[in-house]
């Protein structure tokens, strides 16, 4: 007897590897044949069949037509019980390509990891993405969101035939991200070559305009005296890497800002740090901030929808308004000068993060999967 088939779709392999392996394992453990369609040729764990599809992130790339035809062929030749699609362009093309499959009984879920239209987004973003996402709810069985703003908006304007869920993200593995005592923190600093007496802030994110590391660099330049004995770690790579490095050099901040590159040991970098920071312009539900909170770090983050899901201002961290350099720097100084406050906020951050643990998220999603699989 043939196993029932499940298809996960995302723009690139990296998205599947970063976020969905535990969910693919859940399907394997429950007797399903697992398929993945994404751009790349990675050997993915818990996947029976990997389909390479020529997705592009930009909606204006001609290869999107190729990707659409490839998807149509995959769906034509396979009888999928359920399709779980992710990322904007893969989500658009999959929902359009799967109209016939849905008529034959296939259930289709779209998980929005953060809509491009949000309070404060550009007019162009609203014009391009909002009407499209509302229209596509007519071709979707369920839309799954990870923050309150996205959930309320799409539920209000989307098709009444579609169902809507809000889940606590895709989950963080608390077995990897956890607090350490002062002795272990000191030893980690020695291993990485960081001075014991430095106050260390970490921002783990793609180096990009959206993640807005430029704001942090400009904050240091404007309030240089407040950054004595402070190190800033930027962990990640991205299109803005060279521009940001040039800016740091131009401002003579090389003794403060460290570019750590792509890391496979990010848990250790969090554990040796004192505070997690983010100046991102847009987040759905930021995994990097959650991982820092699981590690027991208080966080200082920009006031936007994804961060507001996690941070209770002055309880487990601080929120600051975009472009408010003075507020950002003053919050760093407050936590730097008050060890008791910093430790208490870190403890509260860990308690908050527990609601977003991987096992909790798997429980949420398994109920949604079973509902659509009629189990």
Foldseek 3Di string as FASTA:
>chain_A
DDFAEEEEEEAAPVVCQVFPLVVLVVCVVVGHAYEYEYADDDDHPSHPYYHHANHDLDPPDPSLVRRLVSLLVVCVVHLHQEYEYEHPSRVLSNLVSCQVSVVVRYAYEYEYQFQQDFVPHDPVSCVPGVVSLQVSLVSHQEYEAAFDRVQVVSCVRHDPNHYYYYFPPRADALVLFAADDPVLLQVLCVVVVHDPQAAEEEEEDEPDVQQPCVLVLVLCLVVVVLQVRYAYEYEEYYDCVVVVVVSCVVSVNPVHYDYPYHDPNVSSVLRNHAAYETEGPGGRADPVLLSSLNRLFQYEYEDDGNVVLQDDDQQLHHYDHHPPSVVSSVRVSVCVVDVVSGNRSSVVSNVSSVCRHNVNRSVVVVVVVCVSSVD
